[in-house]
Amino acid sequence: MAINDVAPQTVAKLLAKGEVLLIDVREPNEFAAERIEGALLFPLSTFNPAALPVCECRELIFHCGSGMRSRKALSLCQAAGLDVHNHMAGGLKAWREAGLPTRFVRPDMPAAL
């Protein structure tokens, strides 16, 4: 299984240019607490590769809290025959550590790890 680790700074630039779709595979409560603006939620607990948006003009990049679940989502996609290989190295944790912005949708909930 080929996996491309994409740095958070690179993901941010690609998102800003509209060149990628960022797929968040964390759970809804984590997404509700904190998310990357523009990310689409496809929780790993109910993940279905066939439900992913198909767009030949933009590649998919997967992310989660630390990088473990996004790797699992990639393996499920590849097992289903999808040509996807990108995940954000270090997940949301690395995104925050890089000083990149997140959106707190429900500030009464703790931030995702």
N, C-alpha and C. Protein backbone atom coordinates (compact mmCIF):
# COMPACT_ATOMS: atom_id res chain seq x y z
N MET A 1 0.85 -1.19 0.00
CA MET A 1 0.00 0.00 0.00
C MET A 1 0.89 1.24 0.00
N ALA A 2 0.78 2.03 -1.04
CA ALA A 2 1.56 3.26 -1.13
C ALA A 2 0.81 4.39 -0.43
N ILE A 3 1.52 5.08 0.46
CA ILE A 3 0.94 6.22 1.17
C ILE A 3 1.88 7.40 1.03
N ASN A 4 1.32 8.54 0.62
CA ASN A 4 2.09 9.78 0.54
C ASN A 4 1.79 10.61 1.79
N ASP A 5 2.80 10.86 2.58
CA ASP A 5 2.65 11.74 3.74
C ASP A 5 2.77 13.18 3.26
N VAL A 6 1.71 13.95 3.46
CA VAL A 6 1.69 15.34 3.02
C VAL A 6 1.77 16.22 4.27
N ALA A 7 2.71 17.14 4.30
CA ALA A 7 2.89 18.04 5.44
C ALA A 7 1.69 18.97 5.58
N PRO A 8 1.31 19.30 6.82
CA PRO A 8 0.18 20.20 7.04
C PRO A 8 0.30 21.53 6.28
N GLN A 9 1.49 22.09 6.22
CA GLN A 9 1.69 23.35 5.52
C GLN A 9 1.36 23.21 4.03
N THR A 10 1.72 22.08 3.46
CA THR A 10 1.41 21.81 2.05
C THR A 10 -0.08 21.63 1.86
N VAL A 11 -0.72 20.91 2.78
CA VAL A 11 -2.17 20.72 2.71
C VAL A 11 -2.87 22.08 2.76
N ALA A 12 -2.43 22.95 3.66
CA ALA A 12 -3.04 24.28 3.77
C ALA A 12 -2.94 25.05 2.46
N LYS A 13 -1.79 25.00 1.81
CA LYS A 13 -1.60 25.70 0.54
C LYS A 13 -2.50 25.12 -0.56
N LEU A 14 -2.56 23.79 -0.61
CA LEU A 14 -3.39 23.13 -1.62
C LEU A 14 -4.88 23.40 -1.39
N LEU A 15 -5.30 23.43 -0.13
CA LEU A 15 -6.69 23.76 0.19
C LEU A 15 -7.02 25.19 -0.24
N ALA A 16 -6.12 26.10 0.07
CA ALA A 16 -6.34 27.50 -0.28
C ALA A 16 -6.48 27.70 -1.79
N LYS A 17 -5.78 26.89 -2.56
CA LYS A 17 -5.85 26.97 -4.02
C LYS A 17 -7.02 26.17 -4.59
N GLY A 18 -7.71 25.41 -3.74
CA GLY A 18 -8.83 24.59 -4.20
C GLY A 18 -8.38 23.38 -5.00
N GLU A 19 -7.17 22.91 -4.75
CA GLU A 19 -6.61 21.81 -5.53
C GLU A 19 -6.85 20.44 -4.92
N VAL A 20 -7.33 20.38 -3.68
CA VAL A 20 -7.56 19.10 -3.01
C VAL A 20 -8.89 19.12 -2.26
N LEU A 21 -9.38 17.92 -1.96
CA LEU A 21 -10.49 17.75 -1.03
C LEU A 21 -9.90 17.09 0.21
N LEU A 22 -10.08 17.72 1.35
CA LEU A 22 -9.57 17.19 2.60
C LEU A 22 -10.67 16.38 3.26
N ILE A 23 -10.40 15.11 3.49
CA ILE A 23 -11.37 14.18 4.07
C ILE A 23 -10.98 13.90 5.51
N ASP A 24 -11.85 14.30 6.43
CA ASP A 24 -11.65 14.11 7.87
C ASP A 24 -12.33 12.81 8.27
N VAL A 25 -11.56 11.84 8.77
CA VAL A 25 -12.13 10.54 9.14
C VAL A 25 -12.33 10.39 10.65
N ARG A 26 -12.24 11.51 11.37
CA ARG A 26 -12.53 11.46 12.81
C ARG A 26 -14.03 11.30 13.01
N GLU A 27 -14.45 11.16 14.24
CA GLU A 27 -15.86 10.96 14.55
C GLU A 27 -16.60 12.30 14.63
N PRO A 28 -17.94 12.27 14.48
CA PRO A 28 -18.71 13.52 14.47
C PRO A 28 -18.49 14.41 15.69
N ASN A 29 -18.34 13.82 16.88
CA ASN A 29 -18.12 14.65 18.07
C ASN A 29 -16.77 15.36 18.01
N GLU A 30 -15.76 14.74 17.44
CA GLU A 30 -14.46 15.38 17.28
C GLU A 30 -14.54 16.51 16.26
N PHE A 31 -15.23 16.24 15.16
CA PHE A 31 -15.41 17.23 14.11
C PHE A 31 -16.21 18.42 14.63
N ALA A 32 -17.20 18.14 15.49
CA ALA A 32 -18.02 19.21 16.06
C ALA A 32 -17.21 20.10 17.00
N ALA A 33 -16.22 19.52 17.66
CA ALA A 33 -15.41 20.28 18.61
C ALA A 33 -14.40 21.18 17.90
N GLU A 34 -13.77 20.64 16.87
CA GLU A 34 -12.72 21.40 16.18
C GLU A 34 -12.50 20.76 14.81
N ARG A 35 -12.34 21.61 13.80
CA ARG A 35 -12.10 21.08 12.47
C ARG A 35 -11.28 22.06 11.64
N ILE A 36 -10.77 21.53 10.54
CA ILE A 36 -10.08 22.34 9.56
C ILE A 36 -11.14 22.86 8.59
N GLU A 37 -11.15 24.16 8.40
CA GLU A 37 -12.13 24.77 7.51
C GLU A 37 -12.03 24.15 6.12
N GLY A 38 -13.15 23.71 5.60
CA GLY A 38 -13.21 23.12 4.27
C GLY A 38 -13.11 21.61 4.25
N ALA A 39 -12.77 20.99 5.38
CA ALA A 39 -12.68 19.53 5.43
C ALA A 39 -14.08 18.92 5.37
N LEU A 40 -14.17 17.75 4.74
CA LEU A 40 -15.42 17.01 4.65
C LEU A 40 -15.37 15.83 5.61
N LEU A 41 -16.45 15.59 6.34
CA LEU A 41 -16.47 14.53 7.35
C LEU A 41 -16.94 13.21 6.76
N PHE A 42 -16.10 12.18 6.89
CA PHE A 42 -16.41 10.80 6.54
C PHE A 42 -15.85 9.92 7.66
N PRO A 43 -16.61 9.76 8.77
CA PRO A 43 -16.08 9.06 9.95
C PRO A 43 -15.64 7.63 9.64
N LEU A 44 -14.52 7.25 10.21
CA LEU A 44 -14.00 5.91 9.99
C LEU A 44 -14.97 4.85 10.48
N SER A 45 -15.72 5.13 11.54
CA SER A 45 -16.64 4.12 12.10
C SER A 45 -17.74 3.73 11.12
N THR A 46 -18.05 4.59 10.16
CA THR A 46 -19.08 4.28 9.15
C THR A 46 -18.51 4.47 7.75
N PHE A 47 -17.21 4.39 7.62
CA PHE A 47 -16.53 4.73 6.38
C PHE A 47 -16.92 3.80 5.23
N ASN A 48 -17.26 4.41 4.10
CA ASN A 48 -17.60 3.68 2.89
C ASN A 48 -16.86 4.35 1.73
N PRO A 49 -15.83 3.71 1.21
CA PRO A 49 -15.08 4.34 0.11
C PRO A 49 -15.95 4.74 -1.08
N ALA A 50 -17.02 4.01 -1.32
CA ALA A 50 -17.89 4.31 -2.46
C ALA A 50 -18.65 5.63 -2.28
N ALA A 51 -18.75 6.11 -1.04
CA ALA A 51 -19.48 7.35 -0.77
C ALA A 51 -18.61 8.60 -0.93
N LEU A 52 -17.32 8.42 -1.14
CA LEU A 52 -16.43 9.58 -1.28
C LEU A 52 -16.74 10.36 -2.54
N PRO A 53 -16.58 11.68 -2.49
CA PRO A 53 -16.81 12.48 -3.70
C PRO A 53 -15.77 12.17 -4.76
N VAL A 54 -16.23 12.06 -5.98
CA VAL A 54 -15.34 11.80 -7.10
C VAL A 54 -15.14 13.10 -7.86
N CYS A 55 -13.90 13.51 -7.93
CA CYS A 55 -13.58 14.75 -8.63
C CYS A 55 -12.20 14.58 -9.25
N GLU A 56 -12.17 14.44 -10.55
CA GLU A 56 -10.89 14.24 -11.22
C GLU A 56 -10.00 15.47 -11.17
N CYS A 57 -10.59 16.63 -10.86
CA CYS A 57 -9.81 17.86 -10.84
C CYS A 57 -9.13 18.10 -9.50
N ARG A 58 -9.52 17.34 -8.46
CA ARG A 58 -8.92 17.52 -7.14
C ARG A 58 -8.62 16.16 -6.51
N GLU A 59 -7.41 16.03 -5.98
CA GLU A 59 -7.05 14.82 -5.28
C GLU A 59 -7.62 14.83 -3.87
N LEU A 60 -7.78 13.64 -3.30
CA LEU A 60 -8.22 13.51 -1.92
C LEU A 60 -7.01 13.43 -1.01
N ILE A 61 -7.11 14.11 0.14
CA ILE A 61 -6.12 13.96 1.21
C ILE A 61 -6.91 13.63 2.46
N PHE A 62 -6.53 12.56 3.13
CA PHE A 62 -7.21 12.13 4.34
C PHE A 62 -6.50 12.66 5.57
N HIS A 63 -7.27 12.92 6.63
CA HIS A 63 -6.64 13.30 7.89
C HIS A 63 -7.52 12.84 9.05
N CYS A 64 -6.89 12.74 10.21
CA CYS A 64 -7.58 12.39 11.45
C CYS A 64 -6.90 13.16 12.57
N GLY A 65 -6.91 12.63 13.76
CA GLY A 65 -6.29 13.32 14.88
C GLY A 65 -4.78 13.24 14.88
N SER A 66 -4.24 12.06 14.52
CA SER A 66 -2.80 11.87 14.60
C SER A 66 -2.18 11.20 13.37
N GLY A 67 -3.01 10.62 12.53
CA GLY A 67 -2.51 9.95 11.33
C GLY A 67 -2.82 8.47 11.26
N MET A 68 -3.28 7.89 12.35
CA MET A 68 -3.56 6.46 12.37
C MET A 68 -4.84 6.11 11.60
N ARG A 69 -5.91 6.80 11.88
CA ARG A 69 -7.18 6.48 11.22
C ARG A 69 -7.17 6.85 9.74
N SER A 70 -6.45 7.91 9.40
CA SER A 70 -6.39 8.27 7.98
C SER A 70 -5.66 7.19 7.18
N ARG A 71 -4.66 6.57 7.78
CA ARG A 71 -3.98 5.45 7.12
C ARG A 71 -4.94 4.27 6.94
N LYS A 72 -5.75 4.02 7.94
CA LYS A 72 -6.74 2.94 7.85
C LYS A 72 -7.74 3.23 6.73
N ALA A 73 -8.22 4.48 6.65
CA ALA A 73 -9.16 4.86 5.59
C ALA A 73 -8.53 4.68 4.22
N LEU A 74 -7.26 5.04 4.09
CA LEU A 74 -6.57 4.85 2.82
C LEU A 74 -6.50 3.37 2.45
N SER A 75 -6.21 2.53 3.42
CA SER A 75 -6.14 1.09 3.11
C SER A 75 -7.50 0.55 2.69
N LEU A 76 -8.58 1.04 3.29
CA LEU A 76 -9.93 0.63 2.88
C LEU A 76 -10.23 1.10 1.46
N CYS A 77 -9.83 2.31 1.13
CA CYS A 77 -10.03 2.83 -0.22
C CYS A 77 -9.24 2.02 -1.25
N GLN A 78 -7.99 1.74 -0.93
CA GLN A 78 -7.16 1.00 -1.85
C GLN A 78 -7.67 -0.43 -2.03
N ALA A 79 -8.17 -1.04 -0.94
CA ALA A 79 -8.75 -2.38 -1.04
C ALA A 79 -10.00 -2.37 -1.92
N ALA A 80 -10.68 -1.24 -1.97
CA ALA A 80 -11.88 -1.10 -2.81
C ALA A 80 -11.53 -0.69 -4.24
N GLY A 81 -10.24 -0.57 -4.53
CA GLY A 81 -9.81 -0.27 -5.88
C GLY A 81 -9.67 1.21 -6.21
N LEU A 82 -9.77 2.08 -5.22
CA LEU A 82 -9.61 3.50 -5.48
C LEU A 82 -8.14 3.87 -5.53
N ASP A 83 -7.81 4.78 -6.42
CA ASP A 83 -6.43 5.23 -6.58
C ASP A 83 -6.21 6.47 -5.71
N VAL A 84 -6.10 6.25 -4.40
CA VAL A 84 -5.85 7.34 -3.45
C VAL A 84 -4.64 6.97 -2.60
N HIS A 85 -3.83 7.97 -2.28
CA HIS A 85 -2.57 7.69 -1.59
C HIS A 85 -2.16 8.74 -0.57
N ASN A 86 -2.92 9.83 -0.44
CA ASN A 86 -2.46 10.97 0.34
C ASN A 86 -3.12 11.06 1.71
N HIS A 87 -2.28 11.26 2.71
CA HIS A 87 -2.82 11.58 4.03
C HIS A 87 -1.93 12.63 4.66
N MET A 88 -2.55 13.43 5.52
CA MET A 88 -1.81 14.51 6.17
C MET A 88 -1.00 13.93 7.32
N ALA A 89 0.30 14.04 7.20
CA ALA A 89 1.20 13.51 8.22
C ALA A 89 0.95 14.18 9.57
N GLY A 90 0.74 13.37 10.60
CA GLY A 90 0.56 13.87 11.95
C GLY A 90 -0.84 14.35 12.28
N GLY A 91 -1.73 14.37 11.31
CA GLY A 91 -3.12 14.72 11.53
C GLY A 91 -3.35 16.12 12.08
N LEU A 92 -4.49 16.27 12.72
CA LEU A 92 -4.87 17.58 13.26
C LEU A 92 -3.87 18.08 14.30
N LYS A 93 -3.27 17.16 15.01
CA LYS A 93 -2.26 17.56 16.00
C LYS A 93 -1.11 18.30 15.33
N ALA A 94 -0.61 17.75 14.23
CA ALA A 94 0.49 18.40 13.50
C ALA A 94 0.04 19.71 12.86
N TRP A 95 -1.20 19.76 12.41
CA TRP A 95 -1.77 20.99 11.84
C TRP A 95 -1.71 22.10 12.88
N ARG A 96 -2.19 21.81 14.09
CA ARG A 96 -2.17 22.82 15.16
C ARG A 96 -0.75 23.20 15.54
N GLU A 97 0.14 22.20 15.63
CA GLU A 97 1.53 22.47 15.99
C GLU A 97 2.22 23.35 14.95
N ALA A 98 1.75 23.29 13.71
CA ALA A 98 2.30 24.14 12.65
C ALA A 98 1.74 25.56 12.71
N GLY A 99 0.83 25.80 13.66
CA GLY A 99 0.25 27.13 13.81
C GLY A 99 -0.85 27.44 12.81
N LEU A 100 -1.40 26.41 12.19
CA LEU A 100 -2.45 26.60 11.20
C LEU A 100 -3.81 26.70 11.89
N PRO A 101 -4.74 27.45 11.32
CA PRO A 101 -6.02 27.71 12.00
C PRO A 101 -6.99 26.53 11.96
N THR A 102 -7.76 26.42 13.02
CA THR A 102 -8.87 25.48 13.07
C THR A 102 -10.13 26.25 13.40
N ARG A 103 -11.23 25.63 13.18
CA ARG A 103 -12.51 26.23 13.49
C ARG A 103 -13.14 25.46 14.63
N PHE A 104 -13.48 26.18 15.69
CA PHE A 104 -14.18 25.58 16.81
C PHE A 104 -15.66 25.75 16.56
N VAL A 105 -16.32 24.66 16.22
CA VAL A 105 -17.74 24.72 15.90
C VAL A 105 -18.56 24.77 17.17
N ARG A 106 -18.14 24.01 18.16
CA ARG A 106 -18.83 24.01 19.45
C ARG A 106 -17.78 24.23 20.54
N PRO A 107 -17.55 25.47 20.92
CA PRO A 107 -16.48 25.76 21.87
C PRO A 107 -16.71 25.15 23.27
N ASP A 108 -17.89 24.64 23.55
CA ASP A 108 -18.15 24.02 24.84
C ASP A 108 -17.58 22.60 24.90
N MET A 109 -17.11 22.07 23.75
CA MET A 109 -16.55 20.72 23.72
C MET A 109 -15.03 20.81 23.71
N PRO A 110 -14.36 19.82 24.31
CA PRO A 110 -12.89 19.85 24.29
C PRO A 110 -12.35 19.62 22.89
N ALA A 111 -11.21 20.15 22.62
CA ALA A 111 -10.56 19.98 21.30
C ALA A 111 -10.20 18.53 21.10
N ALA A 112 -10.27 18.08 19.86
CA ALA A 112 -9.88 16.71 19.52
C ALA A 112 -8.39 16.55 19.67
N LEU A 113 -7.97 15.36 20.03
CA LEU A 113 -6.53 15.07 20.17
C LEU A 113 -5.96 14.55 18.89
